[in-house]
Amino acid sequence: SGGTFSSRAMGWFRQAPGKERDVVATISSSGDSAY
């Protein structure tokens, strides 16, 4: 909320205790591509 969403690529990251924050998955703005 509070801004553009459909124009933004999005990502999920995770961080375990004592570890760095790492990417889990990402998705393009349209949803047609993922990592």
PDB file of all heavy atoms in Angstrom:
ATOM      1  N   SER A   1       0.841  -1.188   0.000  1.00  0.00           N
ATOM      2  CA  SER A   1       0.000   0.000   0.000  1.00  0.00           C
ATOM      3  C   SER A   1       0.878   1.241   0.000  1.00  0.00           C
ATOM      4  O   SER A   1       2.082   1.166   0.237  1.00  0.00           O
ATOM      5  CB  SER A   1      -0.922   0.021   1.220  1.00  0.00           C
ATOM      6  OG  SER A   1      -0.176   0.091   2.425  1.00  0.00           O
ATOM      7  N   GLY A   2       0.275   2.392  -0.278  1.00  0.00           N
ATOM      8  CA  GLY A   2       0.978   3.653  -0.176  1.00  0.00           C
ATOM      9  C   GLY A   2       1.943   3.970  -1.309  1.00  0.00           C
ATOM     10  O   GLY A   2       2.753   4.874  -1.180  1.00  0.00           O
ATOM     11  N   GLY A   3       1.870   3.244  -2.397  1.00  0.00           N
ATOM     12  CA  GLY A   3       2.748   3.481  -3.529  1.00  0.00           C
ATOM     13  C   GLY A   3       2.446   2.542  -4.676  1.00  0.00           C
ATOM     14  O   GLY A   3       1.475   1.793  -4.632  1.00  0.00           O
ATOM     15  N   THR A   4       3.287   2.595  -5.682  1.00  0.00           N
ATOM     16  CA  THR A   4       3.098   1.717  -6.825  1.00  0.00           C
ATOM     17  C   THR A   4       3.422   0.282  -6.443  1.00  0.00           C
ATOM     18  O   THR A   4       4.303   0.017  -5.632  1.00  0.00           O
ATOM     19  CB  THR A   4       3.996   2.140  -8.001  1.00  0.00           C
ATOM     20  OG1 THR A   4       5.372   2.116  -7.593  1.00  0.00           O
ATOM     21  CG2 THR A   4       3.642   3.541  -8.470  1.00  0.00           C
ATOM     22  N   PHE A   5       2.686  -0.646  -7.011  1.00  0.00           N
ATOM     23  CA  PHE A   5       2.940  -2.057  -6.796  1.00  0.00           C
ATOM     24  C   PHE A   5       3.082  -2.778  -8.133  1.00  0.00           C
ATOM     25  O   PHE A   5       4.044  -3.522  -8.347  1.00  0.00           O
ATOM     26  CB  PHE A   5       1.831  -2.704  -5.968  1.00  0.00           C
ATOM     27  CG  PHE A   5       1.999  -4.192  -5.824  1.00  0.00           C
ATOM     28  CD1 PHE A   5       2.953  -4.716  -4.964  1.00  0.00           C
ATOM     29  CD2 PHE A   5       1.210  -5.072  -6.559  1.00  0.00           C
ATOM     30  CE1 PHE A   5       3.120  -6.084  -4.829  1.00  0.00           C
ATOM     31  CE2 PHE A   5       1.372  -6.449  -6.423  1.00  0.00           C
ATOM     32  CZ  PHE A   5       2.328  -6.959  -5.561  1.00  0.00           C
ATOM     33  N   SER A   6       2.127  -2.561  -9.020  1.00  0.00           N
ATOM     34  CA  SER A   6       2.121  -3.277 -10.286  1.00  0.00           C
ATOM     35  C   SER A   6       3.345  -2.958 -11.138  1.00  0.00           C
ATOM     36  O   SER A   6       3.694  -3.741 -12.031  1.00  0.00           O
ATOM     37  CB  SER A   6       0.846  -2.971 -11.077  1.00  0.00           C
ATOM     38  OG  SER A   6       0.742  -1.589 -11.362  1.00  0.00           O
ATOM     39  N   SER A   7       3.999  -1.829 -10.887  1.00  0.00           N
ATOM     40  CA  SER A   7       5.185  -1.450 -11.641  1.00  0.00           C
ATOM     41  C   SER A   7       6.489  -1.911 -10.983  1.00  0.00           C
ATOM     42  O   SER A   7       7.566  -1.676 -11.526  1.00  0.00           O
ATOM     43  CB  SER A   7       5.224   0.064 -11.838  1.00  0.00           C
ATOM     44  OG  SER A   7       5.336   0.733 -10.598  1.00  0.00           O
ATOM     45  N   ARG A   8       6.388  -2.563  -9.829  1.00  0.00           N
ATOM     46  CA  ARG A   8       7.567  -2.969  -9.080  1.00  0.00           C
ATOM     47  C   ARG A   8       7.839  -4.460  -9.166  1.00  0.00           C
ATOM     48  O   ARG A   8       6.944  -5.270  -8.946  1.00  0.00           O
ATOM     49  CB  ARG A   8       7.408  -2.622  -7.600  1.00  0.00           C
ATOM     50  CG  ARG A   8       7.256  -1.155  -7.284  1.00  0.00           C
ATOM     51  CD  ARG A   8       8.560  -0.388  -7.437  1.00  0.00           C
ATOM     52  NE  ARG A   8       8.569   0.790  -6.572  1.00  0.00           N
ATOM     53  CZ  ARG A   8       9.250   0.900  -5.445  1.00  0.00           C
ATOM     54  NH1 ARG A   8      10.035  -0.091  -5.038  1.00  0.00           N
ATOM     55  NH2 ARG A   8       9.171   1.998  -4.721  1.00  0.00           N
ATOM     56  N   ALA A   9       9.067  -4.807  -9.478  1.00  0.00           N
ATOM     57  CA  ALA A   9       9.499  -6.174  -9.244  1.00  0.00           C
ATOM     58  C   ALA A   9       9.566  -6.385  -7.734  1.00  0.00           C
ATOM     59  O   ALA A   9       9.840  -5.451  -6.976  1.00  0.00           O
ATOM     60  CB  ALA A   9      10.863  -6.430  -9.883  1.00  0.00           C
ATOM     61  N   MET A  10       9.302  -7.598  -7.290  1.00  0.00           N
ATOM     62  CA  MET A  10       9.240  -7.899  -5.866  1.00  0.00           C
ATOM     63  C   MET A  10      10.157  -9.065  -5.527  1.00  0.00           C
ATOM     64  O   MET A  10      10.498  -9.877  -6.386  1.00  0.00           O
ATOM     65  CB  MET A  10       7.806  -8.233  -5.449  1.00  0.00           C
ATOM     66  CG  MET A  10       6.790  -7.136  -5.721  1.00  0.00           C
ATOM     67  SD  MET A  10       7.023  -5.690  -4.659  1.00  0.00           S
ATOM     68  CE  MET A  10       6.608  -6.385  -3.053  1.00  0.00           C
ATOM     69  N   GLY A  11      10.520  -9.145  -4.267  1.00  0.00           N
ATOM     70  CA  GLY A  11      11.374 -10.233  -3.833  1.00  0.00           C
ATOM     71  C   GLY A  11      11.042 -10.696  -2.429  1.00  0.00           C
ATOM     72  O   GLY A  11      10.476  -9.944  -1.628  1.00  0.00           O
ATOM     73  N   TRP A  12      11.371 -11.943  -2.163  1.00  0.00           N
ATOM     74  CA  TRP A  12      11.332 -12.496  -0.815  1.00  0.00           C
ATOM     75  C   TRP A  12      12.769 -12.804  -0.405  1.00  0.00           C
ATOM     76  O   TRP A  12      13.518 -13.431  -1.166  1.00  0.00           O
ATOM     77  CB  TRP A  12      10.498 -13.770  -0.739  1.00  0.00           C
ATOM     78  CG  TRP A  12       9.014 -13.543  -0.776  1.00  0.00           C
ATOM     79  CD1 TRP A  12       8.198 -13.628  -1.852  1.00  0.00           C
ATOM     80  CD2 TRP A  12       8.178 -13.209   0.341  1.00  0.00           C
ATOM     81  NE1 TRP A  12       6.900 -13.369  -1.491  1.00  0.00           N
ATOM     82  CE2 TRP A  12       6.860 -13.107  -0.146  1.00  0.00           C
ATOM     83  CE3 TRP A  12       8.418 -12.991   1.696  1.00  0.00           C
ATOM     84  CZ2 TRP A  12       5.783 -12.790   0.679  1.00  0.00           C
ATOM     85  CZ3 TRP A  12       7.344 -12.673   2.509  1.00  0.00           C
ATOM     86  CH2 TRP A  12       6.050 -12.578   2.001  1.00  0.00           C
ATOM     87  N   PHE A  13      13.135 -12.366   0.785  1.00  0.00           N
ATOM     88  CA  PHE A  13      14.447 -12.610   1.357  1.00  0.00           C
ATOM     89  C   PHE A  13      14.272 -13.297   2.701  1.00  0.00           C
ATOM     90  O   PHE A  13      13.201 -13.250   3.295  1.00  0.00           O
ATOM     91  CB  PHE A  13      15.211 -11.299   1.550  1.00  0.00           C
ATOM     92  CG  PHE A  13      15.564 -10.594   0.273  1.00  0.00           C
ATOM     93  CD1 PHE A  13      14.597  -9.919  -0.454  1.00  0.00           C
ATOM     94  CD2 PHE A  13      16.869 -10.603  -0.200  1.00  0.00           C
ATOM     95  CE1 PHE A  13      14.917  -9.262  -1.639  1.00  0.00           C
ATOM     96  CE2 PHE A  13      17.206  -9.949  -1.377  1.00  0.00           C
ATOM     97  CZ  PHE A  13      16.227  -9.281  -2.097  1.00  0.00           C
ATOM     98  N   ARG A  14      15.327 -13.928   3.178  1.00  0.00           N
ATOM     99  CA  ARG A  14      15.261 -14.529   4.502  1.00  0.00           C
ATOM    100  C   ARG A  14      16.587 -14.356   5.223  1.00  0.00           C
ATOM    101  O   ARG A  14      17.643 -14.235   4.599  1.00  0.00           O
ATOM    102  CB  ARG A  14      14.875 -16.012   4.434  1.00  0.00           C
ATOM    103  CG  ARG A  14      15.909 -16.923   3.782  1.00  0.00           C
ATOM    104  CD  ARG A  14      15.346 -18.338   3.655  1.00  0.00           C
ATOM    105  NE  ARG A  14      16.291 -19.262   3.060  1.00  0.00           N
ATOM    106  CZ  ARG A  14      16.003 -20.513   2.730  1.00  0.00           C
ATOM    107  NH1 ARG A  14      14.771 -20.992   2.938  1.00  0.00           N
ATOM    108  NH2 ARG A  14      16.933 -21.300   2.196  1.00  0.00           N
ATOM    109  N   GLN A  15      16.499 -14.341   6.546  1.00  0.00           N
ATOM    110  CA  GLN A  15      17.676 -14.169   7.370  1.00  0.00           C
ATOM    111  C   GLN A  15      17.569 -15.067   8.593  1.00  0.00           C
ATOM    112  O   GLN A  15      16.649 -14.923   9.399  1.00  0.00           O
ATOM    113  CB  GLN A  15      17.836 -12.713   7.799  1.00  0.00           C
ATOM    114  CG  GLN A  15      19.122 -12.425   8.534  1.00  0.00           C
ATOM    115  CD  GLN A  15      19.390 -10.932   8.666  1.00  0.00           C
ATOM    116  OE1 GLN A  15      18.475 -10.123   8.634  1.00  0.00           O
ATOM    117  NE2 GLN A  15      20.656 -10.577   8.805  1.00  0.00           N
ATOM    118  N   ALA A  16      18.500 -15.993   8.706  1.00  0.00           N
ATOM    119  CA  ALA A  16      18.588 -16.866   9.860  1.00  0.00           C
ATOM    120  C   ALA A  16      19.533 -16.239  10.881  1.00  0.00           C
ATOM    121  O   ALA A  16      20.379 -15.412  10.533  1.00  0.00           O
ATOM    122  CB  ALA A  16      19.084 -18.247   9.444  1.00  0.00           C
ATOM    123  N   PRO A  17      19.409 -16.621  12.154  1.00  0.00           N
ATOM    124  CA  PRO A  17      20.302 -16.055  13.180  1.00  0.00           C
ATOM    125  C   PRO A  17      21.771 -16.236  12.812  1.00  0.00           C
ATOM    126  O   PRO A  17      22.202 -17.332  12.458  1.00  0.00           O
ATOM    127  CB  PRO A  17      19.944 -16.853  14.429  1.00  0.00           C
ATOM    128  CG  PRO A  17      18.523 -17.258  14.215  1.00  0.00           C
ATOM    129  CD  PRO A  17      18.431 -17.538  12.742  1.00  0.00           C
ATOM    130  N   GLY A  18      22.522 -15.147  12.892  1.00  0.00           N
ATOM    131  CA  GLY A  18      23.937 -15.191  12.593  1.00  0.00           C
ATOM    132  C   GLY A  18      24.286 -15.252  11.127  1.00  0.00           C
ATOM    133  O   GLY A  18      25.472 -15.367  10.785  1.00  0.00           O
ATOM    134  N   LYS A  19      23.286 -15.175  10.258  1.00  0.00           N
ATOM    135  CA  LYS A  19      23.516 -15.257   8.823  1.00  0.00           C
ATOM    136  C   LYS A  19      23.122 -13.950   8.143  1.00  0.00           C
ATOM    137  O   LYS A  19      22.382 -13.140   8.690  1.00  0.00           O
ATOM    138  CB  LYS A  19      22.727 -16.412   8.211  1.00  0.00           C
ATOM    139  CG  LYS A  19      23.001 -17.762   8.828  1.00  0.00           C
ATOM    140  CD  LYS A  19      24.423 -18.218   8.565  1.00  0.00           C
ATOM    141  CE  LYS A  19      24.650 -19.622   9.110  1.00  0.00           C
ATOM    142  NZ  LYS A  19      26.036 -20.085   8.846  1.00  0.00           N
ATOM    143  N   GLU A  20      23.611 -13.765   6.943  1.00  0.00           N
ATOM    144  CA  GLU A  20      23.258 -12.588   6.169  1.00  0.00           C
ATOM    145  C   GLU A  20      21.877 -12.765   5.556  1.00  0.00           C
ATOM    146  O   GLU A  20      21.370 -13.877   5.434  1.00  0.00           O
ATOM    147  CB  GLU A  20      24.289 -12.334   5.071  1.00  0.00           C
ATOM    148  CG  GLU A  20      24.300 -13.395   3.984  1.00  0.00           C
ATOM    149  CD  GLU A  20      25.326 -13.120   2.896  1.00  0.00           C
ATOM    150  OE1 GLU A  20      26.160 -12.217   3.080  1.00  0.00           O
ATOM    151  OE2 GLU A  20      25.293 -13.807   1.856  1.00  0.00           O
ATOM    152  N   ARG A  21      21.265 -11.651   5.190  1.00  0.00           N
ATOM    153  CA  ARG A  21      19.977 -11.695   4.530  1.00  0.00           C
ATOM    154  C   ARG A  21      20.183 -12.065   3.063  1.00  0.00           C
ATOM    155  O   ARG A  21      20.905 -11.384   2.341  1.00  0.00           O
ATOM    156  CB  ARG A  21      19.269 -10.341   4.653  1.00  0.00           C
ATOM    157  CG  ARG A  21      17.833 -10.360   4.179  1.00  0.00           C
ATOM    158  CD  ARG A  21      17.125  -9.038   4.471  1.00  0.00           C
ATOM    159  NE  ARG A  21      17.082  -8.751   5.900  1.00  0.00           N
ATOM    160  CZ  ARG A  21      16.400  -7.748   6.444  1.00  0.00           C
ATOM    161  NH1 ARG A  21      15.696  -6.934   5.671  1.00  0.00           N
ATOM    162  NH2 ARG A  21      16.427  -7.555   7.756  1.00  0.00           N
ATOM    163  N   ASP A  22      19.553 -13.140   2.630  1.00  0.00           N
ATOM    164  CA  ASP A  22      19.742 -13.654   1.282  1.00  0.00           C
ATOM    165  C   ASP A  22      18.429 -13.722   0.526  1.00  0.00           C
ATOM    166  O   ASP A  22      17.366 -13.919   1.107  1.00  0.00           O
ATOM    167  CB  ASP A  22      20.360 -15.056   1.315  1.00  0.00           C
ATOM    168  CG  ASP A  22      21.812 -15.054   1.744  1.00  0.00           C
ATOM    169  OD1 ASP A  22      22.531 -14.101   1.422  1.00  0.00           O
ATOM    170  OD2 ASP A  22      22.229 -16.029   2.396  1.00  0.00           O
ATOM    171  N   VAL A  23      18.525 -13.594  -0.788  1.00  0.00           N
ATOM    172  CA  VAL A  23      17.345 -13.677  -1.631  1.00  0.00           C
ATOM    173  C   VAL A  23      16.817 -15.106  -1.659  1.00  0.00           C
ATOM    174  O   VAL A  23      17.585 -16.064  -1.665  1.00  0.00           O
ATOM    175  CB  VAL A  23      17.661 -13.177  -3.059  1.00  0.00           C
ATOM    176  CG1 VAL A  23      18.675 -14.090  -3.739  1.00  0.00           C
ATOM    177  CG2 VAL A  23      16.390 -13.071  -3.878  1.00  0.00           C
ATOM    178  N   VAL A  24      15.512 -15.233  -1.638  1.00  0.00           N
ATOM    179  CA  VAL A  24      14.840 -16.514  -1.744  1.00  0.00           C
ATOM    180  C   VAL A  24      14.214 -16.663  -3.126  1.00  0.00           C
ATOM    181  O   VAL A  24      14.405 -17.661  -3.813  1.00  0.00           O
ATOM    182  CB  VAL A  24      13.755 -16.674  -0.665  1.00  0.00           C
ATOM    183  CG1 VAL A  24      12.982 -17.970  -0.865  1.00  0.00           C
ATOM    184  CG2 VAL A  24      14.379 -16.612   0.721  1.00  0.00           C
ATOM    185  N   ALA A  25      13.454 -15.658  -3.527  1.00  0.00           N
ATOM    186  CA  ALA A  25      12.774 -15.669  -4.815  1.00  0.00           C
ATOM    187  C   ALA A  25      12.411 -14.250  -5.201  1.00  0.00           C
ATOM    188  O   ALA A  25      12.188 -13.408  -4.336  1.00  0.00           O
ATOM    189  CB  ALA A  25      11.515 -16.540  -4.768  1.00  0.00           C
ATOM    190  N   THR A  26      12.357 -13.988  -6.487  1.00  0.00           N
ATOM    191  CA  THR A  26      11.923 -12.686  -6.982  1.00  0.00           C
ATOM    192  C   THR A  26      10.960 -12.891  -8.137  1.00  0.00           C
ATOM    193  O   THR A  26      10.941 -13.945  -8.773  1.00  0.00           O
ATOM    194  CB  THR A  26      13.097 -11.808  -7.450  1.00  0.00           C
ATOM    195  OG1 THR A  26      13.657 -12.332  -8.659  1.00  0.00           O
ATOM    196  CG2 THR A  26      14.180 -11.735  -6.381  1.00  0.00           C
ATOM    197  N   ILE A  27      10.178 -11.856  -8.418  1.00  0.00           N
ATOM    198  CA  ILE A  27       9.203 -11.923  -9.490  1.00  0.00           C
ATOM    199  C   ILE A  27       9.131 -10.573 -10.183  1.00  0.00           C
ATOM    200  O   ILE A  27       9.211  -9.528  -9.540  1.00  0.00           O
ATOM    201  CB  ILE A  27       7.821 -12.362  -8.951  1.00  0.00           C
ATOM    202  CG1 ILE A  27       6.844 -12.643 -10.092  1.00  0.00           C
ATOM    203  CG2 ILE A  27       7.259 -11.313  -7.986  1.00  0.00           C
ATOM    204  CD1 ILE A  27       5.580 -13.372  -9.627  1.00  0.00           C
ATOM    205  N   SER A  28       9.000 -10.585 -11.500  1.00  0.00           N
ATOM    206  CA  SER A  28       8.907  -9.357 -12.268  1.00  0.00           C
ATOM    207  C   SER A  28       7.588  -8.658 -11.985  1.00  0.00           C
ATOM    208  O   SER A  28       6.670  -9.225 -11.397  1.00  0.00           O
ATOM    209  CB  SER A  28       9.046  -9.655 -13.760  1.00  0.00           C
ATOM    210  OG  SER A  28       7.989 -10.487 -14.208  1.00  0.00           O
ATOM    211  N   SER A  29       7.498  -7.411 -12.419  1.00  0.00           N
ATOM    212  CA  SER A  29       6.303  -6.619 -12.138  1.00  0.00           C
ATOM    213  C   SER A  29       5.037  -7.241 -12.714  1.00  0.00           C
ATOM    214  O   SER A  29       3.970  -7.173 -12.093  1.00  0.00           O
ATOM    215  CB  SER A  29       6.475  -5.195 -12.660  1.00  0.00           C
ATOM    216  OG  SER A  29       6.705  -5.197 -14.062  1.00  0.00           O
ATOM    217  N   SER A  30       5.149  -7.841 -13.877  1.00  0.00           N
ATOM    218  CA  SER A  30       3.991  -8.453 -14.525  1.00  0.00           C
ATOM    219  C   SER A  30       3.732  -9.876 -14.043  1.00  0.00           C
ATOM    220  O   SER A  30       2.666 -10.426 -14.303  1.00  0.00           O
ATOM    221  CB  SER A  30       4.171  -8.466 -16.040  1.00  0.00           C
ATOM    222  OG  SER A  30       5.247  -9.302 -16.409  1.00  0.00           O
ATOM    223  N   GLY A  31       4.704 -10.463 -13.363  1.00  0.00           N
ATOM    224  CA  GLY A  31       4.571 -11.830 -12.905  1.00  0.00           C
ATOM    225  C   GLY A  31       4.956 -12.877 -13.929  1.00  0.00           C
ATOM    226  O   GLY A  31       4.757 -14.071 -13.695  1.00  0.00           O
ATOM    227  N   ASP A  32       5.513 -12.449 -15.050  1.00  0.00           N
ATOM    228  CA  ASP A  32       5.840 -13.388 -16.115  1.00  0.00           C
ATOM    229  C   ASP A  32       7.240 -13.970 -16.011  1.00  0.00           C
ATOM    230  O   ASP A  32       7.621 -14.800 -16.837  1.00  0.00           O
ATOM    231  CB  ASP A  32       5.649 -12.733 -17.487  1.00  0.00           C
ATOM    232  CG  ASP A  32       6.596 -11.573 -17.734  1.00  0.00           C
ATOM    233  OD1 ASP A  32       7.313 -11.167 -16.797  1.00  0.00           O
ATOM    234  OD2 ASP A  32       6.606 -11.060 -18.870  1.00  0.00           O
ATOM    235  N   SER A  33       8.002 -13.548 -15.008  1.00  0.00           N
ATOM    236  CA  SER A  33       9.358 -14.039 -14.837  1.00  0.00           C
ATOM    237  C   SER A  33       9.667 -14.148 -13.353  1.00  0.00           C
ATOM    238  O   SER A  33       9.256 -13.292 -12.567  1.00  0.00           O
ATOM    239  CB  SER A  33      10.353 -13.107 -15.526  1.00  0.00           C
ATOM    240  OG  SER A  33      11.679 -13.565 -15.377  1.00  0.00           O
ATOM    241  N   ALA A  34      10.400 -15.187 -12.977  1.00  0.00           N
ATOM    242  CA  ALA A  34      10.737 -15.399 -11.574  1.00  0.00           C
ATOM    243  C   ALA A  34      12.138 -15.965 -11.432  1.00  0.00           C
ATOM    244  O   ALA A  34      12.667 -16.608 -12.342  1.00  0.00           O
ATOM    245  CB  ALA A  34       9.728 -16.328 -10.912  1.00  0.00           C
ATOM    246  N   TYR A  35      12.721 -15.716 -10.279  1.00  0.00           N
ATOM    247  CA  TYR A  35      14.029 -16.250  -9.924  1.00  0.00           C
ATOM    248  C   TYR A  35      13.905 -16.973  -8.595  1.00  0.00           C
ATOM    249  O   TYR A  35      13.186 -16.521  -7.696  1.00  0.00           O
ATOM    250  CB  TYR A  35      15.062 -15.123  -9.795  1.00  0.00           C
ATOM    251  CG  TYR A  35      16.301 -15.538  -9.038  1.00  0.00           C
ATOM    252  CD1 TYR A  35      17.367 -16.145  -9.688  1.00  0.00           C
ATOM    253  CD2 TYR A  35      16.388 -15.349  -7.659  1.00  0.00           C
ATOM    254  CE1 TYR A  35      18.490 -16.554  -8.992  1.00  0.00           C
ATOM    255  CE2 TYR A  35      17.515 -15.755  -6.953  1.00  0.00           C
ATOM    256  CZ  TYR A  35      18.559 -16.351  -7.621  1.00  0.00           C
ATOM    257  OH  TYR A  35      19.668 -16.753  -6.925  1.00  0.00           O
TER     258      TYR A  35
END
